[in-house]
Protein backbone atom coordinates (compact mmCIF):
# COMPACT_ATOMS: atom_id res chain seq x y z
CA UNK A 1 0.00 0.00 0.00
CA UNK A 2 1.31 3.44 -0.97
CA UNK A 3 0.66 5.97 1.75
CA UNK A 4 -0.51 9.41 0.59
CA UNK A 5 0.50 12.54 2.50
CA UNK A 6 -3.15 13.34 3.26
CA UNK A 7 -3.59 10.05 5.16
CA UNK A 8 -2.24 11.54 8.40
CA UNK A 9 -5.02 14.17 8.45
CA UNK A 10 -7.65 11.63 7.45
CA UNK A 11 -6.61 9.19 10.18
CA UNK A 12 -6.73 11.93 12.80
CA UNK A 13 -10.24 12.88 11.66
CA UNK A 14 -11.37 9.26 11.76
CA UNK A 15 -11.61 9.51 15.54
CA UNK A 16 -14.07 12.42 15.33
CA UNK A 17 -17.84 12.25 15.02
CA UNK A 18 -17.89 14.70 12.09
CA UNK A 19 -18.43 13.36 8.56
CA UNK A 20 -15.11 12.89 6.75
CA UNK A 21 -15.60 14.18 3.20
CA UNK A 22 -12.91 13.31 0.63
CA UNK A 23 -13.20 15.17 -2.65
CA UNK A 24 -11.06 15.69 -5.74
CA UNK A 25 -10.79 14.69 -9.39
CA UNK A 26 -11.90 11.27 -10.50
CA UNK A 27 -9.12 8.65 -10.23
CA UNK A 28 -6.89 10.60 -7.81
CA UNK A 29 -7.28 7.92 -5.12
CA UNK A 30 -10.38 8.91 -3.12
CA UNK A 31 -11.82 5.39 -3.04
CA UNK A 32 -8.47 3.94 -2.03
CA UNK A 33 -8.24 6.48 0.79
CA UNK A 34 -11.78 5.66 1.98
CA UNK A 35 -11.04 1.93 1.97
CA UNK A 36 -7.79 2.57 3.83
CA UNK A 37 -9.67 4.46 6.55
CA UNK A 38 -12.25 1.70 6.79
CA UNK A 39 -9.43 -0.81 7.34
CA UNK A 40 -8.22 1.28 10.31
CA UNK A 41 -11.55 0.86 12.12
CA UNK A 42 -10.95 -1.74 14.85
CA UNK A 43 -14.44 -3.28 14.83
CA UNK A 44 -16.64 -5.02 12.27
CA UNK A 45 -19.72 -2.78 12.58
CA UNK A 46 -18.94 -1.06 9.30
CA UNK A 47 -19.96 -1.13 5.64
CA UNK A 48 -18.61 0.20 2.34
CA UNK A 49 -21.16 1.24 -0.30
CA UNK A 50 -20.09 2.24 -3.80
CA UNK A 51 -22.82 4.42 -5.31
CA UNK A 52 -21.68 3.57 -8.82
CA UNK A 53 -23.49 0.27 -8.18
CA UNK A 54 -27.26 0.42 -8.62
CA UNK A 55 -28.03 -1.87 -5.66
CA UNK A 56 -26.18 0.49 -3.31
CA UNK A 57 -27.92 3.57 -4.69
CA UNK A 58 -31.21 1.73 -4.12
CA UNK A 59 -30.52 1.56 -0.37
CA UNK A 60 -30.36 5.35 -0.04
CA UNK A 61 -33.20 6.01 -2.49
CA UNK A 62 -35.86 4.41 -0.26
CA UNK A 63 -38.98 6.46 0.46
CA UNK A 64 -38.52 6.47 4.25
CA UNK A 65 -35.64 6.59 6.71
CA UNK A 66 -36.98 3.41 8.32
CA UNK A 67 -36.61 1.50 5.06
CA UNK A 68 -33.07 2.83 4.68
CA UNK A 69 -32.21 1.74 8.22
CA UNK A 70 -33.55 -1.76 7.52
CA UNK A 71 -31.48 -2.03 4.34
CA UNK A 72 -28.36 -0.93 6.20
CA UNK A 73 -29.09 -3.49 8.91
CA UNK A 74 -29.26 -6.13 6.19
CA UNK A 75 -25.79 -4.96 5.13
CA UNK A 76 -24.60 -5.68 8.68
CA UNK A 77 -24.92 -2.36 10.52
CA UNK A 78 -26.03 -2.55 14.16
CA UNK A 79 -27.38 0.89 15.07
CA UNK A 80 -27.30 0.11 18.79
CA UNK A 81 -23.50 0.32 18.65
CA UNK A 82 -20.99 2.78 17.17
CA UNK A 83 -20.72 2.14 13.43
CA UNK A 84 -18.86 3.36 10.35
CA UNK A 85 -20.51 3.81 6.95
CA UNK A 86 -18.40 4.58 3.87
CA UNK A 87 -20.24 6.08 0.87
CA UNK A 88 -18.24 6.29 -2.36
CA UNK A 89 -19.22 8.79 -5.12
CA UNK A 90 -21.92 10.42 -3.03
CA UNK A 91 -22.90 12.89 -5.76
CA UNK A 92 -24.66 10.03 -7.58
CA UNK A 93 -27.42 10.00 -4.93
CA UNK A 94 -28.65 13.60 -4.56
CA UNK A 95 -30.78 12.96 -1.45
CA UNK A 96 -27.96 11.20 0.41
CA UNK A 97 -27.04 14.27 2.46
CA UNK A 98 -30.46 14.36 4.13
CA UNK A 99 -30.13 10.66 4.97
CA UNK A 100 -26.66 11.23 6.40
CA UNK A 101 -27.96 14.11 8.54
CA UNK A 102 -30.79 11.96 9.92
CA UNK A 103 -28.55 8.99 10.76
CA UNK A 104 -25.77 11.27 12.07
CA UNK A 105 -28.18 13.00 14.47
CA UNK A 106 -30.00 9.79 15.50
CA UNK A 107 -27.24 7.20 15.94
CA UNK A 108 -23.54 6.87 16.75
CA UNK A 109 -22.60 6.66 13.06
CA UNK A 110 -19.30 7.84 11.63
CA UNK A 111 -19.62 8.63 7.91
CA UNK A 112 -16.74 8.65 5.43
CA UNK A 113 -17.86 9.91 2.02
CA UNK A 114 -16.19 10.67 -1.29
CA UNK A 115 -17.23 12.80 -4.25
CA UNK A 116 -15.79 14.32 -7.42
CA UNK A 117 -17.40 17.76 -7.41
CA UNK A 118 -16.47 20.56 -5.03
CA UNK A 119 -19.58 22.47 -6.16
CA UNK A 120 -21.94 19.65 -5.23
CA UNK A 121 -20.25 18.80 -1.96
CA UNK A 122 -19.73 22.34 -0.72
CA UNK A 123 -23.23 23.55 -1.61
CA UNK A 124 -25.30 20.54 -0.60
CA UNK A 125 -23.25 19.80 2.49
CA UNK A 126 -23.29 23.42 3.61
CA UNK A 127 -27.08 23.43 3.48
CA UNK A 128 -27.78 20.14 5.23
CA UNK A 129 -24.64 19.25 7.20
CA UNK A 130 -23.48 22.58 8.59
CA UNK A 131 -21.05 21.93 11.43
CA UNK A 132 -21.22 18.18 10.87
CA UNK A 133 -18.48 17.66 8.28
CA UNK A 134 -14.88 18.44 7.29
CA UNK A 135 -13.88 18.45 3.62
CA UNK A 136 -10.47 17.11 2.55
CA UNK A 137 -9.34 17.74 -1.03
CA UNK A 138 -7.16 15.14 -2.76
CA UNK A 139 -4.98 16.05 -5.72
CA UNK A 140 -2.89 13.96 -8.10
CA UNK A 141 0.40 12.81 -6.61
CA UNK A 142 2.98 15.35 -5.56
CA UNK A 143 6.47 14.58 -6.81
CA UNK A 144 7.42 13.31 -3.33
CA UNK A 145 4.48 10.88 -3.50
CA UNK A 146 5.43 10.01 -7.08
CA UNK A 147 8.85 8.95 -5.77
CA UNK A 148 7.22 6.81 -3.08
CA UNK A 149 5.19 5.07 -5.79
CA UNK A 150 8.57 4.25 -7.34
CA UNK A 151 9.66 2.62 -4.07
CA UNK A 152 11.85 5.53 -2.92
CA UNK A 153 11.78 6.16 0.84
CA UNK A 154 10.44 9.66 1.58
CA UNK A 155 13.02 10.12 4.33
CA UNK A 156 15.68 10.19 1.61
CA UNK A 157 14.12 13.14 -0.20
CA UNK A 158 12.28 15.18 2.45
CA UNK A 159 15.44 16.99 3.71
CA UNK A 160 15.88 18.50 0.21
CA UNK A 161 12.38 20.01 -0.08
CA UNK A 162 12.54 23.50 -1.61
CA UNK A 163 16.32 23.72 -1.17
CA UNK A 164 18.58 25.33 -3.76
CA UNK A 165 19.87 23.13 -6.58
CA UNK A 166 21.94 20.17 -5.39
CA UNK A 167 23.83 18.32 -8.19
CA UNK A 168 23.72 14.90 -6.47
CA UNK A 169 19.96 15.09 -5.87
CA UNK A 170 19.35 16.24 -9.44
CA UNK A 171 21.49 13.48 -10.92
CA UNK A 172 19.61 10.80 -8.98
CA UNK A 173 16.05 11.96 -9.62
CA UNK A 174 15.92 14.10 -12.77
CA UNK A 175 14.88 11.18 -15.05
CA UNK A 176 11.91 10.42 -12.78
CA UNK A 177 10.99 14.12 -12.66
CA UNK A 178 10.89 14.21 -16.46
CA UNK A 179 8.41 11.31 -16.32
CA UNK A 180 6.36 13.29 -13.80
CA UNK A 181 6.31 16.33 -16.09
CA UNK A 182 5.22 14.25 -19.08
CA UNK A 183 2.64 11.93 -17.53
CA UNK A 184 1.52 13.70 -14.36
CA UNK A 185 0.50 12.25 -11.02
CA UNK A 186 -2.59 10.07 -11.35
CA UNK A 187 -1.77 6.90 -9.34
CA UNK A 188 -2.91 4.44 -12.04
CA UNK A 189 -0.85 6.27 -14.65
CA UNK A 190 2.24 6.32 -12.43
CA UNK A 191 1.98 2.58 -11.69
CA UNK A 192 1.54 1.65 -15.37
CA UNK A 193 4.71 0.65 -17.17
CA UNK A 194 4.19 1.37 -20.87
CA UNK A 195 3.68 4.69 -22.61
CA UNK A 196 0.66 3.32 -24.49
CA UNK A 197 -1.08 2.28 -21.27
CA UNK A 198 -0.31 5.62 -19.61
CA UNK A 199 -1.85 7.46 -22.55
CA UNK A 200 -4.92 5.20 -22.49
CA UNK A 201 -5.48 5.85 -18.79
CA UNK A 202 -5.17 9.61 -19.32
CA UNK A 203 -7.67 9.50 -22.20
CA UNK A 204 -10.06 7.49 -19.99
CA UNK A 205 -9.79 10.12 -17.25
CA UNK A 206 -10.69 12.93 -19.69
CA UNK A 207 -13.67 10.97 -21.04
CA UNK A 208 -14.90 9.96 -17.59
CA UNK A 209 -14.61 13.55 -16.42
CA UNK A 210 -16.96 14.73 -19.16
CA UNK A 211 -19.34 11.77 -19.28
CA UNK A 212 -19.70 11.23 -15.53
CA UNK A 213 -18.78 14.31 -13.51
CA UNK A 214 -19.72 17.15 -15.87
CA UNK A 215 -23.01 15.57 -16.99
CA UNK A 216 -24.06 15.23 -13.37
CA UNK A 217 -23.96 19.02 -13.01
CA UNK A 218 -25.21 20.02 -16.47
CA UNK A 219 -27.28 18.81 -19.41
CA UNK A 220 -26.22 16.16 -21.89
CA UNK A 221 -25.74 18.62 -24.73
CA UNK A 222 -22.54 20.18 -23.38
CA UNK A 223 -20.16 17.27 -24.07
CA UNK A 224 -18.96 18.27 -27.55
CA UNK A 225 -18.60 21.96 -26.71
CA UNK A 226 -16.86 21.13 -23.46
CA UNK A 227 -14.28 18.85 -25.05
CA UNK A 228 -13.50 21.55 -27.63
CA UNK A 229 -13.17 24.06 -24.81
CA UNK A 230 -10.85 21.77 -22.82
CA UNK A 231 -8.53 21.43 -25.80
CA UNK A 232 -8.65 25.16 -26.47
CA UNK A 233 -7.81 25.94 -22.83
CA UNK A 234 -4.98 23.40 -22.88
CA UNK A 235 -3.42 25.33 -25.75
CA UNK A 236 -3.65 28.54 -23.69
CA UNK A 237 -2.19 27.32 -20.42
CA UNK A 238 -0.37 30.10 -18.60
CA UNK A 239 -2.04 32.81 -20.69
CA UNK A 240 -4.70 35.23 -19.52
CA UNK A 241 -8.29 34.10 -19.98
CA UNK A 242 -9.95 36.11 -22.74
CA UNK A 243 -13.57 34.96 -22.55
CA UNK A 244 -14.63 36.98 -25.58
CA UNK A 245 -11.94 35.48 -27.80
CA UNK A 246 -12.68 31.94 -26.62
CA UNK A 247 -16.37 32.55 -27.23
CA UNK A 248 -15.65 33.68 -30.79
CA UNK A 249 -13.41 30.70 -31.53
CA UNK A 250 -15.94 28.16 -30.22
CA UNK A 251 -19.04 29.87 -31.56
CA UNK A 252 -20.81 29.86 -28.19
CA UNK A 253 -21.79 32.74 -25.93
CA UNK A 254 -19.35 34.38 -23.55
CA UNK A 255 -21.65 33.51 -20.65
CA UNK A 256 -21.60 29.82 -21.59
CA UNK A 257 -17.81 29.89 -21.78
CA UNK A 258 -17.70 31.29 -18.24
CA UNK A 259 -20.19 28.66 -17.03
CA UNK A 260 -18.24 25.82 -18.64
CA UNK A 261 -14.94 27.01 -17.17
CA UNK A 262 -16.63 27.24 -13.77
CA UNK A 263 -17.76 23.62 -14.20
CA UNK A 264 -14.21 22.59 -15.00
CA UNK A 265 -12.98 24.45 -11.93
CA UNK A 266 -15.66 22.97 -9.63
CA UNK A 267 -14.71 19.48 -10.78
CA UNK A 268 -10.99 20.14 -10.25
CA UNK A 269 -10.01 19.90 -13.92
CA UNK A 270 -8.53 23.39 -14.11
CA UNK A 271 -6.91 25.77 -11.66
CA UNK A 272 -7.63 29.51 -11.95
CA UNK A 273 -4.83 31.85 -10.85
CA UNK A 274 -5.93 35.41 -10.10
CA UNK A 275 -3.70 38.49 -10.16
CA UNK A 276 -1.90 39.66 -7.03
CA UNK A 277 -2.52 43.19 -5.81
CA UNK A 278 -3.36 45.02 -2.61
CA UNK A 279 -6.09 46.87 -4.51
CA UNK A 280 -9.19 44.65 -5.13
CA UNK A 281 -10.36 46.90 -7.98
CA UNK A 282 -7.10 46.34 -9.85
CA UNK A 283 -7.36 42.58 -9.28
CA UNK A 284 -10.75 42.57 -11.00
CA UNK A 285 -9.30 44.56 -13.94
CA UNK A 286 -6.64 41.90 -14.57
CA UNK A 287 -7.73 38.73 -16.31
CA UNK A 288 -6.99 35.47 -14.48
CA UNK A 289 -4.71 32.75 -15.81
CA UNK A 290 -5.58 29.09 -16.17
CA UNK A 291 -3.68 25.83 -15.70
CA UNK A 292 -4.68 22.19 -16.13
CA UNK A 293 -4.72 20.27 -12.83
CA UNK A 294 -2.42 17.52 -14.09
CA UNK A 295 0.33 17.85 -16.68
CA UNK A 296 -0.31 14.36 -18.02
CA UNK A 297 -3.81 15.50 -18.99
CA UNK A 298 -2.39 18.67 -20.54
CA UNK A 299 0.00 16.56 -22.59
CA UNK A 300 -2.89 14.48 -23.96
CA UNK A 301 -5.12 17.45 -24.75
CA UNK A 302 -2.60 19.65 -26.58
CA UNK A 303 0.87 19.70 -28.08
CA UNK A 304 2.22 22.54 -25.95
CA UNK A 305 5.81 23.73 -25.77
CA UNK A 306 8.29 22.20 -23.36
CA UNK A 307 8.31 25.43 -21.35
CA UNK A 308 4.52 25.55 -21.07
CA UNK A 309 4.37 21.95 -19.89
CA UNK A 310 7.01 22.70 -17.25
CA UNK A 311 5.21 25.85 -16.06
CA UNK A 312 1.96 23.88 -15.74
CA UNK A 313 3.76 21.22 -13.69
CA UNK A 314 5.12 23.89 -11.37
CA UNK A 315 1.62 25.38 -11.01
CA UNK A 316 0.34 21.93 -9.98
CA UNK A 317 3.17 21.47 -7.48
CA UNK A 318 2.84 24.95 -5.97
CA UNK A 319 -0.94 24.58 -5.77
CA UNK A 320 -0.39 21.80 -3.22
CA UNK A 321 1.70 24.16 -1.08
CA UNK A 322 -0.81 26.99 -0.72
CA UNK A 323 -2.67 29.76 -2.53
CA UNK A 324 -1.39 30.94 -5.93
CA UNK A 325 -1.56 34.29 -7.70
CA UNK A 326 0.48 36.02 -10.41
CA UNK A 327 1.76 39.59 -10.52
CA UNK A 328 1.76 42.13 -13.35
CA UNK A 329 3.47 45.52 -12.98
CA UNK A 330 0.91 47.25 -15.21
CA UNK A 331 -1.69 46.50 -17.84
CA UNK A 332 1.05 45.50 -20.28
CA UNK A 333 4.01 45.36 -17.92
CA UNK A 334 6.39 42.65 -16.75
CA UNK A 335 5.05 39.73 -14.76
CA UNK A 336 5.99 37.39 -11.94
CA UNK A 337 4.78 33.89 -12.76
CA UNK A 338 3.53 33.02 -9.27
CA UNK A 339 3.03 34.55 -5.85
CA UNK A 340 2.76 31.78 -3.25
CA UNK A 341 0.70 32.49 -0.13
CA UNK A 342 1.07 36.21 -0.71
CA UNK A 343 4.69 36.31 0.45
CA UNK A 344 6.94 34.49 -2.03
CA UNK A 345 7.57 35.49 -5.63
CA UNK A 346 8.49 32.63 -7.96
CA UNK A 347 9.64 32.76 -11.57
CA UNK A 348 9.74 29.64 -13.75
CA UNK A 349 12.54 29.23 -16.30
CA UNK A 350 13.54 26.01 -18.02
CA UNK A 351 17.20 27.10 -17.95
CA UNK A 352 17.52 29.79 -15.24
CA UNK A 353 20.20 32.48 -15.25
CA UNK A 354 21.53 35.10 -12.87
CA UNK A 355 19.80 37.77 -14.97
CA UNK A 356 16.48 36.00 -14.42
CA UNK A 357 17.04 36.10 -10.67
CA UNK A 358 17.92 39.81 -10.66
CA UNK A 359 14.82 40.62 -12.74
CA UNK A 360 12.65 38.60 -10.34
CA UNK A 361 14.07 40.37 -7.30
CA UNK A 362 13.39 43.76 -8.90
CA UNK A 363 9.78 42.88 -9.72
CA UNK A 364 9.23 41.43 -6.25
CA UNK A 365 10.29 44.77 -4.78
CA UNK A 366 7.69 46.53 -6.93
CA UNK A 367 5.06 44.06 -5.75
CA UNK A 368 6.21 44.39 -2.12
CA UNK A 369 6.70 40.62 -1.86
CA UNK A 370 9.43 39.83 0.70
CA UNK A 371 11.01 36.61 -0.64
CA UNK A 372 11.93 35.29 -4.09
CA UNK A 373 12.79 31.94 -5.65
CA UNK A 374 13.81 31.09 -9.19
CA UNK A 375 12.63 27.64 -10.35
CA UNK A 376 14.48 25.75 -13.07
CA UNK A 377 14.27 22.51 -15.01
CA UNK A 378 17.65 22.22 -16.71
CA UNK A 379 21.12 22.94 -15.35
CA UNK A 380 22.76 26.10 -16.76
CA UNK A 381 26.09 25.61 -18.51
CA UNK A 382 27.31 28.78 -16.77
CA UNK A 383 27.43 27.05 -13.40
CA UNK A 384 24.67 29.26 -11.93
CA UNK A 385 23.09 27.51 -8.93
CA UNK A 386 20.91 30.08 -7.16
CA UNK A 387 17.66 28.39 -8.09
CA UNK A 388 15.35 25.61 -6.91
CA UNK A 389 15.20 22.63 -9.25
CA UNK A 390 11.54 21.76 -10.00
CA UNK A 391 12.02 18.26 -8.61
CA UNK A 392 12.78 19.79 -5.19
CA UNK A 393 9.40 21.54 -4.90
CA UNK A 394 7.56 18.29 -4.20
């Protein structure tokens, strides 16, 4: 079993009465995490129900709570004792939150639930389970987790996290990092050996995202337009979002483009990066940027440049470390690629140079950001070392 970084938080929450909600993109490992938690429960008064199976959906679609209780008792739950119920893909049963609330308030039941849509889970759970749940978001593997999936002990790499370039560390792990850039961090993709199988898994993830997750939140007619939009966005990774131009290219309204991009954001397919400024009015004036949530998916959707693929990978890695913004000195001025947590300016260069670092430090002063880091992919022939290699970001 490969242990994800989020497991520590999930295990700690397992001891609490609150509902443990695990959300994130399809195929990132939510079901595996739920099953892992279930295995940590030290009694047998527990049940796992996958809502992708019709017979399990039937249990929660009964007309009365009494009928639902009876069905759960048939599954082995004894409501006179503390119990654990795991519900996988909860968004497939819209009324499940009301059932959870009833059982949560009536019995000593610990619920662990998973779902693929932040919109569904946040809105429905806020309405019916206020104060009764904690939401944990799972992402594709970080590079540190990627290394663990390749049987590399995390204790060997953790001391180097976000340190300046170290030749020995780079020499040992740069080939694996190039794999990470190309194929991303979906567990199934990482564990698959051949390029053909990796590509097939990535294509399956894109199709499942549209056919299962998106259709749940919209009508059936959006599939073709949405796939075109996904490919168009993939070709514009790292650029500002121009809704009017995208609308013109796709032949659909600007409002639909915004709605579709919101759907992609709610279902974790894209990450929106807003501009950094102390003036909210100026932030609104600047268009946001967009990145794909896994570089393997980006690589399947579009033939982007090497630099764009690397920048997207860094956006994915940084997104797991905190909040991301970008900085622009004026409407058409110089930019800083990323501002992390409001206090660190980061510039991404495939082959970084001292001039890149000086330019970043100057722009960070203009933005009033206290710390700077240059992030690189390749090693400069000049011997320059004042940068963080992308593989050290984790």
